[in-house]
C-alpha cells in the first residue's frame, strides 16, 4: 500500500504536467487570436471592400481603404485642401442624424412646365 501512495505523490509533483497545461493555454489563446483576425473588418484574407476612418476630424486622422486584397492608407497632413470646381448642391443633417443631399437646379436649364 505504501508503494502505491508513493507513486501517486510522484505523479502530483511532476513538472511536465504543468508544461502540458501551459501548452493547452497557448493553443486556446492562438485560436482566439485567429478568430479575431478572421472576424476583423480589415481581414487581409477576405476579398471584401472596406473603408475604415481612424480618429475622424483630428490632425492624426487616417483612412484605410481595402479593395479586395489591396490595402491603401491615407494620412491627413493637417493642411487645407484647395481646388477648382462648382457648387453641386447642399447637404442637410436631419434631427435623426441622417444626411440629405439636395442638388442645385442647373441655372442654364429651362424650367419644365407642370402638366
C-alpha atoms as a PDB file:
ATOM      1  CA  UNK A   1       0.000   0.000   0.000  1.00  0.00           C
ATOM      2  CA  UNK A   2       2.761   2.473   0.814  1.00  0.00           C
ATOM      3  CA  UNK A   3       4.303   1.852  -2.584  1.00  0.00           C
ATOM      4  CA  UNK A   4       1.072   2.920  -4.384  1.00  0.00           C
ATOM      5  CA  UNK A   5       0.785   6.014  -2.259  1.00  0.00           C
ATOM      6  CA  UNK A   6       4.374   6.934  -3.135  1.00  0.00           C
ATOM      7  CA  UNK A   7       3.586   6.594  -6.900  1.00  0.00           C
ATOM      8  CA  UNK A   8       0.542   8.862  -6.551  1.00  0.00           C
ATOM      9  CA  UNK A   9       2.594  11.520  -4.805  1.00  0.00           C
ATOM     10  CA  UNK A  10       5.231  11.434  -7.537  1.00  0.00           C
ATOM     11  CA  UNK A  11       2.609  11.958 -10.257  1.00  0.00           C
ATOM     12  CA  UNK A  12       1.253  15.033  -8.466  1.00  0.00           C
ATOM     13  CA  UNK A  13       4.701  16.675  -8.356  1.00  0.00           C
ATOM     14  CA  UNK A  14       5.614  16.027 -12.000  1.00  0.00           C
ATOM     15  CA  UNK A  15       6.733  19.372 -13.592  1.00  0.00           C
ATOM     16  CA  UNK A  16       5.991  18.097 -17.103  1.00  0.00           C
ATOM     17  CA  UNK A  17       2.259  18.185 -16.320  1.00  0.00           C
ATOM     18  CA  UNK A  18       2.384  21.942 -15.742  1.00  0.00           C
ATOM     19  CA  UNK A  19       4.193  22.417 -19.072  1.00  0.00           C
ATOM     20  CA  UNK A  20       1.442  20.453 -20.827  1.00  0.00           C
ATOM     21  CA  UNK A  21      -1.141  22.721 -19.200  1.00  0.00           C
ATOM     22  CA  UNK A  22       0.736  25.819 -20.441  1.00  0.00           C
ATOM     23  CA  UNK A  23       0.751  24.428 -23.968  1.00  0.00           C
ATOM     24  CA  UNK A  24      -3.026  23.958 -23.759  1.00  0.00           C
ATOM     25  CA  UNK A  25      -3.454  27.566 -22.629  1.00  0.00           C
ATOM     26  CA  UNK A  26      -1.302  28.842 -25.520  1.00  0.00           C
ATOM     27  CA  UNK A  27      -3.334  26.816 -28.025  1.00  0.00           C
ATOM     28  CA  UNK A  28      -6.542  28.396 -26.742  1.00  0.00           C
ATOM     29  CA  UNK A  29      -5.014  31.904 -26.966  1.00  0.00           C
ATOM     30  CA  UNK A  30      -3.804  31.267 -30.539  1.00  0.00           C
ATOM     31  CA  UNK A  31      -7.250  30.006 -31.566  1.00  0.00           C
ATOM     32  CA  UNK A  32      -8.870  33.128 -30.081  1.00  0.00           C
ATOM     33  CA  UNK A  33      -6.446  35.398 -31.969  1.00  0.00           C
ATOM     34  CA  UNK A  34      -7.125  33.590 -35.254  1.00  0.00           C
ATOM     35  CA  UNK A  35     -10.866  34.016 -34.749  1.00  0.00           C
ATOM     36  CA  UNK A  36     -10.369  37.725 -34.003  1.00  0.00           C
ATOM     37  CA  UNK A  37      -8.368  38.233 -37.213  1.00  0.00           C
ATOM     38  CA  UNK A  38     -10.933  36.292 -39.257  1.00  0.00           C
ATOM     39  CA  UNK A  39     -13.777  38.456 -37.914  1.00  0.00           C
ATOM     40  CA  UNK A  40     -11.943  41.752 -38.342  1.00  0.00           C
ATOM     41  CA  UNK A  41     -13.207  44.270 -40.891  1.00  0.00           C
ATOM     42  CA  UNK A  42      -9.741  44.644 -42.403  1.00  0.00           C
ATOM     43  CA  UNK A  43      -9.036  40.930 -42.586  1.00  0.00           C
ATOM     44  CA  UNK A  44      -6.162  40.583 -45.069  1.00  0.00           C
ATOM     45  CA  UNK A  45      -7.519  37.227 -46.300  1.00  0.00           C
ATOM     46  CA  UNK A  46     -11.030  38.355 -47.315  1.00  0.00           C
ATOM     47  CA  UNK A  47     -11.873  39.906 -50.680  1.00  0.00           C
ATOM     48  CA  UNK A  48     -14.457  42.383 -49.386  1.00  0.00           C
ATOM     49  CA  UNK A  49     -14.192  46.153 -49.876  1.00  0.00           C
ATOM     50  CA  UNK A  50     -13.952  48.058 -46.578  1.00  0.00           C
ATOM     51  CA  UNK A  51     -13.211  51.675 -45.602  1.00  0.00           C
ATOM     52  CA  UNK A  52     -12.120  52.471 -42.033  1.00  0.00           C
ATOM     53  CA  UNK A  53     -11.668  56.028 -40.706  1.00  0.00           C
ATOM     54  CA  UNK A  54      -9.430  56.345 -37.645  1.00  0.00           C
ATOM     55  CA  UNK A  55      -9.637  59.496 -35.458  1.00  0.00           C
ATOM     56  CA  UNK A  56     -12.147  61.339 -37.693  1.00  0.00           C
ATOM     57  CA  UNK A  57     -11.784  65.125 -37.762  1.00  0.00           C
ATOM     58  CA  UNK A  58      -8.489  65.177 -35.866  1.00  0.00           C
ATOM     59  CA  UNK A  59      -4.986  66.098 -37.013  1.00  0.00           C
ATOM     60  CA  UNK A  60      -3.860  62.449 -36.996  1.00  0.00           C
ATOM     61  CA  UNK A  61      -6.868  61.172 -38.972  1.00  0.00           C
ATOM     62  CA  UNK A  62      -6.181  58.144 -41.162  1.00  0.00           C
ATOM     63  CA  UNK A  63      -8.344  56.472 -43.802  1.00  0.00           C
ATOM     64  CA  UNK A  64      -7.723  52.794 -44.569  1.00  0.00           C
ATOM     65  CA  UNK A  65      -9.307  51.567 -47.818  1.00  0.00           C
ATOM     66  CA  UNK A  66      -9.291  47.831 -48.526  1.00  0.00           C
ATOM     67  CA  UNK A  67     -10.449  46.908 -52.005  1.00  0.00           C
ATOM     68  CA  UNK A  68     -10.175  43.160 -52.492  1.00  0.00           C
ATOM     69  CA  UNK A  69      -6.632  42.246 -51.471  1.00  0.00           C
ATOM     70  CA  UNK A  70      -5.196  45.768 -51.945  1.00  0.00           C
ATOM     71  CA  UNK A  71      -4.927  47.998 -48.845  1.00  0.00           C
ATOM     72  CA  UNK A  72      -4.300  51.756 -49.176  1.00  0.00           C
ATOM     73  CA  UNK A  73      -3.657  54.104 -46.248  1.00  0.00           C
ATOM     74  CA  UNK A  74      -4.254  57.844 -46.432  1.00  0.00           C
ATOM     75  CA  UNK A  75      -2.997  60.069 -43.613  1.00  0.00           C
ATOM     76  CA  UNK A  76      -4.133  63.629 -43.001  1.00  0.00           C
ATOM     77  CA  UNK A  77      -1.403  66.198 -43.466  1.00  0.00           C
ATOM     78  CA  UNK A  78      -3.227  68.899 -41.489  1.00  0.00           C
ATOM     79  CA  UNK A  79      -3.280  71.227 -44.492  1.00  0.00           C
ATOM     80  CA  UNK A  80      -6.452  72.622 -46.004  1.00  0.00           C
ATOM     81  CA  UNK A  81      -7.161  71.317 -49.495  1.00  0.00           C
ATOM     82  CA  UNK A  82      -7.976  73.595 -52.366  1.00  0.00           C
ATOM     83  CA  UNK A  83      -9.093  73.085 -55.945  1.00  0.00           C
ATOM     84  CA  UNK A  84     -11.361  74.195 -58.728  1.00  0.00           C
ATOM     85  CA  UNK A  85     -14.995  73.271 -59.088  1.00  0.00           C
ATOM     86  CA  UNK A  86     -18.562  74.431 -58.827  1.00  0.00           C
ATOM     87  CA  UNK A  87     -21.136  74.126 -56.096  1.00  0.00           C
ATOM     88  CA  UNK A  88     -23.175  70.991 -56.833  1.00  0.00           C
ATOM     89  CA  UNK A  89     -25.797  71.221 -54.115  1.00  0.00           C
ATOM     90  CA  UNK A  90     -26.480  71.467 -50.412  1.00  0.00           C
ATOM     91  CA  UNK A  91     -26.349  68.803 -47.709  1.00  0.00           C
ATOM     92  CA  UNK A  92     -28.645  68.962 -44.679  1.00  0.00           C
ATOM     93  CA  UNK A  93     -28.405  66.996 -41.420  1.00  0.00           C
ATOM     94  CA  UNK A  94     -31.822  65.897 -40.164  1.00  0.00           C
ATOM     95  CA  UNK A  95     -32.815  65.605 -36.493  1.00  0.00           C
ATOM     96  CA  UNK A  96     -32.278  61.839 -36.580  1.00  0.00           C
ATOM     97  CA  UNK A  97     -28.657  62.363 -37.677  1.00  0.00           C
ATOM     98  CA  UNK A  98     -29.091  61.265 -41.298  1.00  0.00           C
ATOM     99  CA  UNK A  99     -27.806  63.410 -44.147  1.00  0.00           C
ATOM    100  CA  UNK A 100     -29.834  64.537 -47.160  1.00  0.00           C
ATOM    101  CA  UNK A 101     -28.199  65.886 -50.314  1.00  0.00           C
ATOM    102  CA  UNK A 102     -30.234  68.309 -52.422  1.00  0.00           C
ATOM    103  CA  UNK A 103     -28.695  69.012 -55.838  1.00  0.00           C
ATOM    104  CA  UNK A 104     -28.921  72.556 -57.102  1.00  0.00           C
ATOM    105  CA  UNK A 105     -31.077  73.266 -60.117  1.00  0.00           C
ATOM    106  CA  UNK A 106     -28.975  73.934 -63.195  1.00  0.00           C
ATOM    107  CA  UNK A 107     -29.162  77.713 -63.788  1.00  0.00           C
ATOM    108  CA  UNK A 108     -28.982  77.242 -67.564  1.00  0.00           C
ATOM    109  CA  UNK A 109     -31.696  74.574 -67.748  1.00  0.00           C
ATOM    110  CA  UNK A 110     -35.139  75.725 -68.795  1.00  0.00           C
ATOM    111  CA  UNK A 111     -37.869  75.100 -66.214  1.00  0.00           C
ATOM    112  CA  UNK A 112     -40.287  72.373 -67.292  1.00  0.00           C
ATOM    113  CA  UNK A 113     -43.983  73.376 -67.272  1.00  0.00           C
ATOM    114  CA  UNK A 114     -46.224  71.347 -64.964  1.00  0.00           C
ATOM    115  CA  UNK A 115     -48.922  69.413 -66.896  1.00  0.00           C
END
